[in-house]
Amino acid sequence: MRHNSSEKKLWDSGMEGRTESAGFSRLAELLAEVGRSLHSRGWALGTSGNFSAVVSREPLLLAITGSGLDKGELTAEQILEVDADAKIVSVAQSPKVSAAGGNDARRAQEEDLTPARPSVETKLHLAVVRAGDAGAVLHTHSVWSTILSEAHASRRGLSIEGYEMLKGLDGVRTHQHREWLPILENSQDIGALARAVETTLKQHPEAHGFLLRRHGLYTWGTDLAAAKRHVETLEFLMEVVGRLGFGRSSVEAGA
């Protein structure tokens, strides 16, 4: 499949296949750009959604969006670098930190000078990264992912097959592919939810994403460009499945 201009921009920037070696500052810029793009599509409205990319695997470091931010106005300065325990390691340079005479993230956080706190779902991103070869993780809160995660909750997953658009997922070569998106119960106990994510991905290593019930979609890729492509592909497919399903229900009800 051909890649769209937005994804090509990420590829041309040197993002493809270079998630680990790309510097934190550059990843922060790219994550902010992706966040604004997903907001413009209606997939991360309000303060919803969170996005991350791997800076380093040894030691494990993630660039991740701060908590409670308007993704339509997301900037690189609102991206934080966290370690394997979800603790802040560094922040993108900001006027406040510069004025403090340095960019020591821990000291700046104590003085309330950091631009944001890490996303409360940082541990879920870490769980996804640990489970496979994900170099970037994107979490959206679209209307269709929310609706379908509830409509198919009793099945504990959403099955999608027979669509050409499935070939937008890594490793998929035919429209006859069957994609299974596991559905997990949402929880405010992030530690427990992270463990559930790890267990689910071990059970379904071929999955390209999962849904949190009444919450949204998590997907990932080997790099940020692939993760963005997976969001676009899965959001498209969920809307098709949703529209067809509810359309049929309406016809049957009126019969």
C-alpha atoms as a PDB file:
ATOM      1  CA  MET A   1       0.000   0.000   0.000  1.00  0.00           C
ATOM      2  CA  ARG A   2       1.123   3.556  -0.660  1.00  0.00           C
ATOM      3  CA  HIS A   3       1.880   5.751   2.329  1.00  0.00           C
ATOM      4  CA  ASN A   4       0.119   9.101   2.625  1.00  0.00           C
ATOM      5  CA  SER A   5       1.893  12.440   2.664  1.00  0.00           C
ATOM      6  CA  SER A   6       1.670  12.777   6.459  1.00  0.00           C
ATOM      7  CA  GLU A   7       3.392   9.465   6.996  1.00  0.00           C
ATOM      8  CA  LYS A   8       5.928  10.252   4.254  1.00  0.00           C
ATOM      9  CA  LYS A   9       6.836  13.412   6.148  1.00  0.00           C
ATOM     10  CA  LEU A  10       7.692  11.275   9.170  1.00  0.00           C
ATOM     11  CA  TRP A  11       9.691   8.873   7.011  1.00  0.00           C
ATOM     12  CA  ASP A  12      11.585  11.693   5.305  1.00  0.00           C
ATOM     13  CA  SER A  13      12.432  13.139   8.711  1.00  0.00           C
ATOM     14  CA  GLY A  14      14.490  10.025   9.412  1.00  0.00           C
ATOM     15  CA  MET A  15      11.974   8.509  11.832  1.00  0.00           C
ATOM     16  CA  GLU A  16      11.502   5.158  10.080  1.00  0.00           C
ATOM     17  CA  GLY A  17      13.566   2.424  11.678  1.00  0.00           C
ATOM     18  CA  ARG A  18      15.490   4.896  13.869  1.00  0.00           C
ATOM     19  CA  THR A  19      13.310   5.180  16.941  1.00  0.00           C
ATOM     20  CA  GLU A  20      16.063   4.100  19.337  1.00  0.00           C
ATOM     21  CA  SER A  21      18.834   6.249  17.885  1.00  0.00           C
ATOM     22  CA  ALA A  22      16.764   9.360  17.310  1.00  0.00           C
ATOM     23  CA  GLY A  23      17.359  11.931  20.020  1.00  0.00           C
ATOM     24  CA  PHE A  24      14.744  12.747  22.614  1.00  0.00           C
ATOM     25  CA  SER A  25      14.356  16.318  21.339  1.00  0.00           C
ATOM     26  CA  ARG A  26      13.576  15.171  17.814  1.00  0.00           C
ATOM     27  CA  LEU A  27      11.156  12.519  19.070  1.00  0.00           C
ATOM     28  CA  ALA A  28       9.409  15.188  21.144  1.00  0.00           C
ATOM     29  CA  GLU A  29       8.868  17.274  18.016  1.00  0.00           C
ATOM     30  CA  LEU A  30       7.518  14.299  16.074  1.00  0.00           C
ATOM     31  CA  LEU A  31       5.180  13.174  18.875  1.00  0.00           C
ATOM     32  CA  ALA A  32       3.772  16.690  19.150  1.00  0.00           C
ATOM     33  CA  GLU A  33       3.184  16.733  15.399  1.00  0.00           C
ATOM     34  CA  VAL A  34       1.441  13.351  15.501  1.00  0.00           C
ATOM     35  CA  GLY A  35      -0.664  14.416  18.469  1.00  0.00           C
ATOM     36  CA  ARG A  36      -1.916  17.528  16.675  1.00  0.00           C
ATOM     37  CA  SER A  37      -2.689  15.427  13.602  1.00  0.00           C
ATOM     38  CA  LEU A  38      -4.722  12.841  15.543  1.00  0.00           C
ATOM     39  CA  HIS A  39      -6.601  15.629  17.320  1.00  0.00           C
ATOM     40  CA  SER A  40      -7.521  17.151  13.951  1.00  0.00           C
ATOM     41  CA  ARG A  41      -9.052  13.801  12.931  1.00  0.00           C
ATOM     42  CA  GLY A  42     -11.270  13.777  16.029  1.00  0.00           C
ATOM     43  CA  TRP A  43      -9.410  10.870  17.613  1.00  0.00           C
ATOM     44  CA  ALA A  44      -7.910  12.688  20.629  1.00  0.00           C
ATOM     45  CA  LEU A  45     -10.329  15.431  21.645  1.00  0.00           C
ATOM     46  CA  GLY A  46     -10.397  17.297  24.922  1.00  0.00           C
ATOM     47  CA  THR A  47      -7.404  16.093  26.917  1.00  0.00           C
ATOM     48  CA  SER A  48      -7.777  12.473  25.753  1.00  0.00           C
ATOM     49  CA  GLY A  49      -5.088  10.313  24.224  1.00  0.00           C
ATOM     50  CA  ASN A  50      -1.421   9.754  24.943  1.00  0.00           C
ATOM     51  CA  PHE A  51       1.526   8.990  22.694  1.00  0.00           C
ATOM     52  CA  SER A  52       5.027   7.642  23.185  1.00  0.00           C
ATOM     53  CA  ALA A  53       8.175   6.562  21.366  1.00  0.00           C
ATOM     54  CA  VAL A  54      11.192   4.584  22.513  1.00  0.00           C
ATOM     55  CA  VAL A  55      14.307   6.700  23.025  1.00  0.00           C
ATOM     56  CA  SER A  56      16.469   3.820  24.275  1.00  0.00           C
ATOM     57  CA  ARG A  57      15.964   0.156  25.147  1.00  0.00           C
ATOM     58  CA  GLU A  58      19.052  -0.313  27.337  1.00  0.00           C
ATOM     59  CA  PRO A  59      18.228   1.390  29.596  1.00  0.00           C
ATOM     60  CA  LEU A  60      14.571   1.630  28.652  1.00  0.00           C
ATOM     61  CA  LEU A  61      13.579   5.259  28.110  1.00  0.00           C
ATOM     62  CA  LEU A  62      10.363   6.614  26.579  1.00  0.00           C
ATOM     63  CA  ALA A  63       9.402  10.000  25.221  1.00  0.00           C
ATOM     64  CA  ILE A  64       5.743  10.418  26.225  1.00  0.00           C
ATOM     65  CA  THR A  65       3.074  13.086  26.333  1.00  0.00           C
ATOM     66  CA  GLY A  66       2.346  14.860  29.588  1.00  0.00           C
ATOM     67  CA  SER A  67      -0.963  14.438  31.396  1.00  0.00           C
ATOM     68  CA  GLY A  68      -4.084  16.564  30.911  1.00  0.00           C
ATOM     69  CA  LEU A  69      -3.015  18.329  27.719  1.00  0.00           C
ATOM     70  CA  ASP A  70      -4.997  19.622  24.751  1.00  0.00           C
ATOM     71  CA  LYS A  71      -3.538  17.535  21.927  1.00  0.00           C
ATOM     72  CA  GLY A  72      -4.626  20.110  19.375  1.00  0.00           C
ATOM     73  CA  GLU A  73      -2.101  22.519  20.922  1.00  0.00           C
ATOM     74  CA  LEU A  74       0.558  19.939  21.786  1.00  0.00           C
ATOM     75  CA  THR A  75       4.160  21.154  21.698  1.00  0.00           C
ATOM     76  CA  ALA A  76       7.528  19.442  22.014  1.00  0.00           C
ATOM     77  CA  GLU A  77       8.010  21.075  25.415  1.00  0.00           C
ATOM     78  CA  GLN A  78       5.074  19.028  26.711  1.00  0.00           C
ATOM     79  CA  ILE A  79       6.796  15.727  25.957  1.00  0.00           C
ATOM     80  CA  LEU A  80       8.644  14.088  28.855  1.00  0.00           C
ATOM     81  CA  GLU A  81      11.351  11.433  28.958  1.00  0.00           C
ATOM     82  CA  VAL A  82      10.620   8.660  31.466  1.00  0.00           C
ATOM     83  CA  ASP A  83      12.428   5.531  32.596  1.00  0.00           C
ATOM     84  CA  ALA A  84      11.261   1.936  33.029  1.00  0.00           C
ATOM     85  CA  ASP A  85       9.569   2.886  36.319  1.00  0.00           C
ATOM     86  CA  ALA A  86       7.605   5.724  34.655  1.00  0.00           C
ATOM     87  CA  LYS A  87       9.688   8.346  36.456  1.00  0.00           C
ATOM     88  CA  ILE A  88      10.768  11.553  34.731  1.00  0.00           C
ATOM     89  CA  VAL A  89      14.363  11.504  33.512  1.00  0.00           C
ATOM     90  CA  SER A  90      14.376  14.714  31.494  1.00  0.00           C
ATOM     91  CA  VAL A  91      12.107  17.300  29.916  1.00  0.00           C
ATOM     92  CA  ALA A  92      12.339  19.132  26.633  1.00  0.00           C
ATOM     93  CA  GLN A  93      13.951  22.547  27.132  1.00  0.00           C
ATOM     94  CA  SER A  94      11.418  25.165  28.203  1.00  0.00           C
ATOM     95  CA  PRO A  95      11.660  28.789  29.306  1.00  0.00           C
ATOM     96  CA  LYS A  96      10.795  27.868  32.899  1.00  0.00           C
ATOM     97  CA  VAL A  97      13.481  25.220  33.170  1.00  0.00           C
ATOM     98  CA  SER A  98      16.027  27.475  31.484  1.00  0.00           C
ATOM     99  CA  ALA A  99      15.236  30.239  33.951  1.00  0.00           C
ATOM    100  CA  ALA A 100      15.916  27.798  36.770  1.00  0.00           C
ATOM    101  CA  GLY A 101      19.520  27.621  35.626  1.00  0.00           C
ATOM    102  CA  GLY A 102      19.463  24.096  34.224  1.00  0.00           C
ATOM    103  CA  ASN A 103      17.287  21.277  33.026  1.00  0.00           C
ATOM    104  CA  ASP A 104      17.542  18.876  35.944  1.00  0.00           C
ATOM    105  CA  ALA A 105      14.092  17.301  35.579  1.00  0.00           C
ATOM    106  CA  ARG A 106      13.709  16.009  39.101  1.00  0.00           C
ATOM    107  CA  ARG A 107      14.604  19.333  40.701  1.00  0.00           C
ATOM    108  CA  ALA A 108      12.398  21.213  38.254  1.00  0.00           C
ATOM    109  CA  GLN A 109       9.498  18.880  39.026  1.00  0.00           C
ATOM    110  CA  GLU A 110       9.894  19.531  42.761  1.00  0.00           C
ATOM    111  CA  GLU A 111       9.766  23.264  42.056  1.00  0.00           C
ATOM    112  CA  ASP A 112       6.760  22.805  39.752  1.00  0.00           C
ATOM    113  CA  LEU A 113       8.747  23.991  36.749  1.00  0.00           C
ATOM    114  CA  THR A 114       8.174  21.027  34.436  1.00  0.00           C
ATOM    115  CA  PRO A 115       5.610  21.567  31.655  1.00  0.00           C
ATOM    116  CA  ALA A 116       3.500  18.581  32.733  1.00  0.00           C
ATOM    117  CA  ARG A 117       3.292  15.273  34.593  1.00  0.00           C
ATOM    118  CA  PRO A 118       3.719  12.048  32.614  1.00  0.00           C
ATOM    119  CA  SER A 119       0.522  10.531  31.290  1.00  0.00           C
ATOM    120  CA  VAL A 120      -1.232   8.481  33.946  1.00  0.00           C
ATOM    121  CA  GLU A 121      -1.223   5.610  31.438  1.00  0.00           C
ATOM    122  CA  THR A 122       2.569   5.575  31.046  1.00  0.00           C
ATOM    123  CA  LYS A 123       2.718   2.075  32.556  1.00  0.00           C
ATOM    124  CA  LEU A 124       0.445   0.793  29.773  1.00  0.00           C
ATOM    125  CA  HIS A 125       2.855   2.155  27.161  1.00  0.00           C
ATOM    126  CA  LEU A 126       5.743   0.473  28.982  1.00  0.00           C
ATOM    127  CA  ALA A 127       3.789  -2.802  29.055  1.00  0.00           C
ATOM    128  CA  VAL A 128       3.265  -2.695  25.287  1.00  0.00           C
ATOM    129  CA  VAL A 129       6.927  -1.914  24.622  1.00  0.00           C
ATOM    130  CA  ARG A 130       8.090  -4.744  26.876  1.00  0.00           C
ATOM    131  CA  ALA A 131       5.703  -7.224  25.235  1.00  0.00           C
ATOM    132  CA  GLY A 132       7.213  -6.947  21.759  1.00  0.00           C
ATOM    133  CA  ASP A 133       9.215  -4.843  19.360  1.00  0.00           C
ATOM    134  CA  ALA A 134       7.100  -1.693  19.564  1.00  0.00           C
ATOM    135  CA  GLY A 135       9.114   1.457  18.962  1.00  0.00           C
ATOM    136  CA  ALA A 136       6.105   3.755  19.376  1.00  0.00           C
ATOM    137  CA  VAL A 137       2.684   3.472  21.041  1.00  0.00           C
ATOM    138  CA  LEU A 138      -0.356   5.613  20.214  1.00  0.00           C
ATOM    139  CA  HIS A 139      -3.590   5.714  22.233  1.00  0.00           C
ATOM    140  CA  THR A 140      -6.712   7.363  20.807  1.00  0.00           C
ATOM    141  CA  HIS A 141     -10.237   8.020  22.118  1.00  0.00           C
ATOM    142  CA  SER A 142     -12.333   8.004  18.951  1.00  0.00           C
ATOM    143  CA  VAL A 143     -16.114   7.714  18.872  1.00  0.00           C
ATOM    144  CA  TRP A 144     -16.027   4.391  17.032  1.00  0.00           C
ATOM    145  CA  SER A 145     -13.401   2.740  19.230  1.00  0.00           C
ATOM    146  CA  THR A 146     -15.472   3.708  22.260  1.00  0.00           C
ATOM    147  CA  ILE A 147     -18.739   2.416  20.779  1.00  0.00           C
ATOM    148  CA  LEU A 148     -17.321  -0.861  19.461  1.00  0.00           C
ATOM    149  CA  SER A 149     -15.400  -1.600  22.651  1.00  0.00           C
ATOM    150  CA  GLU A 150     -18.749  -1.596  24.432  1.00  0.00           C
ATOM    151  CA  ALA A 151     -20.787  -3.311  21.713  1.00  0.00           C
ATOM    152  CA  HIS A 152     -18.335  -6.241  21.497  1.00  0.00           C
ATOM    153  CA  ALA A 153     -17.310  -6.394  25.159  1.00  0.00           C
ATOM    154  CA  SER A 154     -19.170  -9.660  25.772  1.00  0.00           C
ATOM    155  CA  ARG A 155     -17.026 -11.307  23.060  1.00  0.00           C
ATOM    156  CA  ARG A 156     -13.864  -9.906  24.670  1.00  0.00           C
ATOM    157  CA  GLY A 157     -12.675  -8.767  21.301  1.00  0.00           C
ATOM    158  CA  LEU A 158     -13.505  -7.328  17.905  1.00  0.00           C
ATOM    159  CA  SER A 159     -12.902  -9.365  14.754  1.00  0.00           C
ATOM    160  CA  ILE A 160     -12.230  -7.546  11.468  1.00  0.00           C
ATOM    161  CA  GLU A 161     -11.681  -9.401   8.198  1.00  0.00           C
ATOM    162  CA  GLY A 162     -12.243  -9.166   4.464  1.00  0.00           C
ATOM    163  CA  TYR A 163     -11.210  -5.537   3.948  1.00  0.00           C
ATOM    164  CA  GLU A 164      -8.434  -4.325   1.656  1.00  0.00           C
ATOM    165  CA  MET A 165      -7.501  -1.697   4.246  1.00  0.00           C
ATOM    166  CA  LEU A 166      -6.199  -4.485   6.496  1.00  0.00           C
ATOM    167  CA  LYS A 167      -3.074  -4.476   4.333  1.00  0.00           C
ATOM    168  CA  GLY A 168      -2.108  -1.243   6.046  1.00  0.00           C
ATOM    169  CA  LEU A 169      -1.084  -3.345   9.067  1.00  0.00           C
ATOM    170  CA  ASP A 170       2.491  -4.620   9.272  1.00  0.00           C
ATOM    171  CA  GLY A 171       2.850  -8.156   7.955  1.00  0.00           C
ATOM    172  CA  VAL A 172      -0.623  -8.344   6.400  1.00  0.00           C
ATOM    173  CA  ARG A 173      -0.588  -9.201   2.687  1.00  0.00           C
ATOM    174  CA  THR A 174      -4.203 -10.062   1.926  1.00  0.00           C
ATOM    175  CA  HIS A 175      -7.689  -8.721   2.542  1.00  0.00           C
ATOM    176  CA  GLN A 176      -8.587 -12.192   3.820  1.00  0.00           C
ATOM    177  CA  HIS A 177      -6.590 -11.550   6.986  1.00  0.00           C
ATOM    178  CA  ARG A 178      -8.557 -11.721  10.233  1.00  0.00           C
ATOM    179  CA  GLU A 179      -7.524  -9.075  12.755  1.00  0.00           C
ATOM    180  CA  TRP A 180      -8.523  -9.679  16.362  1.00  0.00           C
ATOM    181  CA  LEU A 181      -8.564  -6.656  18.666  1.00  0.00           C
ATOM    182  CA  PRO A 182      -8.814  -7.891  22.273  1.00  0.00           C
ATOM    183  CA  ILE A 183     -11.082  -5.842  24.545  1.00  0.00           C
ATOM    184  CA  LEU A 184      -9.949  -5.307  28.133  1.00  0.00           C
ATOM    185  CA  GLU A 185     -12.050  -3.955  30.967  1.00  0.00           C
ATOM    186  CA  ASN A 186     -11.059  -0.404  31.787  1.00  0.00           C
ATOM    187  CA  SER A 187      -9.677   0.282  35.252  1.00  0.00           C
ATOM    188  CA  GLN A 188      -8.287   3.171  37.254  1.00  0.00           C
ATOM    189  CA  ASP A 189      -5.818   0.717  38.802  1.00  0.00           C
ATOM    190  CA  ILE A 190      -3.137   1.316  36.177  1.00  0.00           C
ATOM    191  CA  GLY A 191      -0.743  -1.230  37.667  1.00  0.00           C
ATOM    192  CA  ALA A 192      -3.337  -3.990  37.407  1.00  0.00           C
ATOM    193  CA  LEU A 193      -4.342  -2.829  33.936  1.00  0.00           C
ATOM    194  CA  ALA A 194      -0.706  -2.877  32.788  1.00  0.00           C
ATOM    195  CA  ARG A 195      -0.399  -6.471  33.961  1.00  0.00           C
ATOM    196  CA  ALA A 196      -3.605  -7.346  32.083  1.00  0.00           C
ATOM    197  CA  VAL A 197      -2.137  -5.753  28.943  1.00  0.00           C
ATOM    198  CA  GLU A 198       1.054  -7.810  29.265  1.00  0.00           C
ATOM    199  CA  THR A 199      -0.961 -11.014  29.703  1.00  0.00           C
ATOM    200  CA  THR A 200      -3.228 -10.212  26.755  1.00  0.00           C
ATOM    201  CA  LEU A 201      -0.348  -9.469  24.396  1.00  0.00           C
ATOM    202  CA  LYS A 202       1.355 -12.725  25.359  1.00  0.00           C
ATOM    203  CA  GLN A 203      -1.874 -14.528  24.461  1.00  0.00           C
ATOM    204  CA  HIS A 204      -2.260 -12.587  21.202  1.00  0.00           C
ATOM    205  CA  PRO A 205       1.261 -11.786  19.961  1.00  0.00           C
ATOM    206  CA  GLU A 206      -0.022 -11.238  16.421  1.00  0.00           C
ATOM    207  CA  ALA A 207      -2.363  -8.401  17.463  1.00  0.00           C
ATOM    208  CA  HIS A 208      -1.744  -4.894  16.140  1.00  0.00           C
ATOM    209  CA  GLY A 209      -3.791  -3.255  18.882  1.00  0.00           C
ATOM    210  CA  PHE A 210      -6.335  -3.668  21.644  1.00  0.00           C
ATOM    211  CA  LEU A 211      -9.362  -1.806  22.966  1.00  0.00           C
ATOM    212  CA  LEU A 212     -10.125  -0.647  26.479  1.00  0.00           C
ATOM    213  CA  ARG A 213     -13.867  -0.899  27.142  1.00  0.00           C
ATOM    214  CA  ARG A 214     -15.693   2.436  26.840  1.00  0.00           C
ATOM    215  CA  HIS A 215     -12.278   4.053  26.553  1.00  0.00           C
ATOM    216  CA  GLY A 216     -10.363   3.749  23.296  1.00  0.00           C
ATOM    217  CA  LEU A 217      -7.727   2.140  21.086  1.00  0.00           C
ATOM    218  CA  TYR A 218      -4.098   1.277  21.767  1.00  0.00           C
ATOM    219  CA  THR A 219      -1.905   0.462  18.800  1.00  0.00           C
ATOM    220  CA  TRP A 220       1.813   0.521  18.092  1.00  0.00           C
ATOM    221  CA  GLY A 221       4.484   0.006  15.467  1.00  0.00           C
ATOM    222  CA  THR A 222       8.189  -0.610  15.078  1.00  0.00           C
ATOM    223  CA  ASP A 223       8.573   3.156  14.730  1.00  0.00           C
ATOM    224  CA  LEU A 224       6.387   6.241  14.929  1.00  0.00           C
ATOM    225  CA  ALA A 225       5.494   6.216  11.235  1.00  0.00           C
ATOM    226  CA  ALA A 226       4.254   2.614  11.455  1.00  0.00           C
ATOM    227  CA  ALA A 227       2.276   3.346  14.630  1.00  0.00           C
ATOM    228  CA  LYS A 228       0.587   6.326  12.960  1.00  0.00           C
ATOM    229  CA  ARG A 229      -0.272   4.166   9.945  1.00  0.00           C
ATOM    230  CA  HIS A 230      -1.784   1.552  12.261  1.00  0.00           C
ATOM    231  CA  VAL A 231      -3.947   4.183  13.982  1.00  0.00           C
ATOM    232  CA  GLU A 232      -5.248   5.408  10.637  1.00  0.00           C
ATOM    233  CA  THR A 233      -5.860   1.856   9.391  1.00  0.00           C
ATOM    234  CA  LEU A 234      -7.626   0.602  12.508  1.00  0.00           C
ATOM    235  CA  GLU A 235      -9.706   3.743  12.988  1.00  0.00           C
ATOM    236  CA  PHE A 236     -10.857   3.470   9.357  1.00  0.00           C
ATOM    237  CA  LEU A 237     -11.749  -0.200   9.790  1.00  0.00           C
ATOM    238  CA  MET A 238     -13.584   0.354  13.072  1.00  0.00           C
ATOM    239  CA  GLU A 239     -15.690   3.086  11.513  1.00  0.00           C
ATOM    240  CA  VAL A 240     -16.570   0.798   8.577  1.00  0.00           C
ATOM    241  CA  VAL A 241     -17.483  -2.080  10.885  1.00  0.00           C
ATOM    242  CA  GLY A 242     -19.469   0.239  13.129  1.00  0.00           C
ATOM    243  CA  ARG A 243     -21.395   1.930  10.347  1.00  0.00           C
ATOM    244  CA  LEU A 244     -22.215  -1.371   8.643  1.00  0.00           C
ATOM    245  CA  GLY A 245     -23.227  -3.043  11.883  1.00  0.00           C
ATOM    246  CA  PHE A 246     -25.484  -0.282  13.099  1.00  0.00           C
ATOM    247  CA  GLY A 247     -26.866   0.187   9.590  1.00  0.00           C
ATOM    248  CA  ARG A 248     -27.921  -3.446   9.443  1.00  0.00           C
ATOM    249  CA  SER A 249     -29.482  -3.197  12.886  1.00  0.00           C
ATOM    250  CA  SER A 250     -31.556  -0.229  11.740  1.00  0.00           C
ATOM    251  CA  VAL A 251     -32.730  -2.086   8.619  1.00  0.00           C
ATOM    252  CA  GLU A 252     -33.648  -5.185  10.636  1.00  0.00           C
ATOM    253  CA  ALA A 253     -35.503  -3.082  13.199  1.00  0.00           C
ATOM    254  CA  GLY A 254     -37.533  -1.418  10.467  1.00  0.00           C
ATOM    255  CA  ALA A 255     -38.341  -4.649   8.633  1.00  0.00           C
END
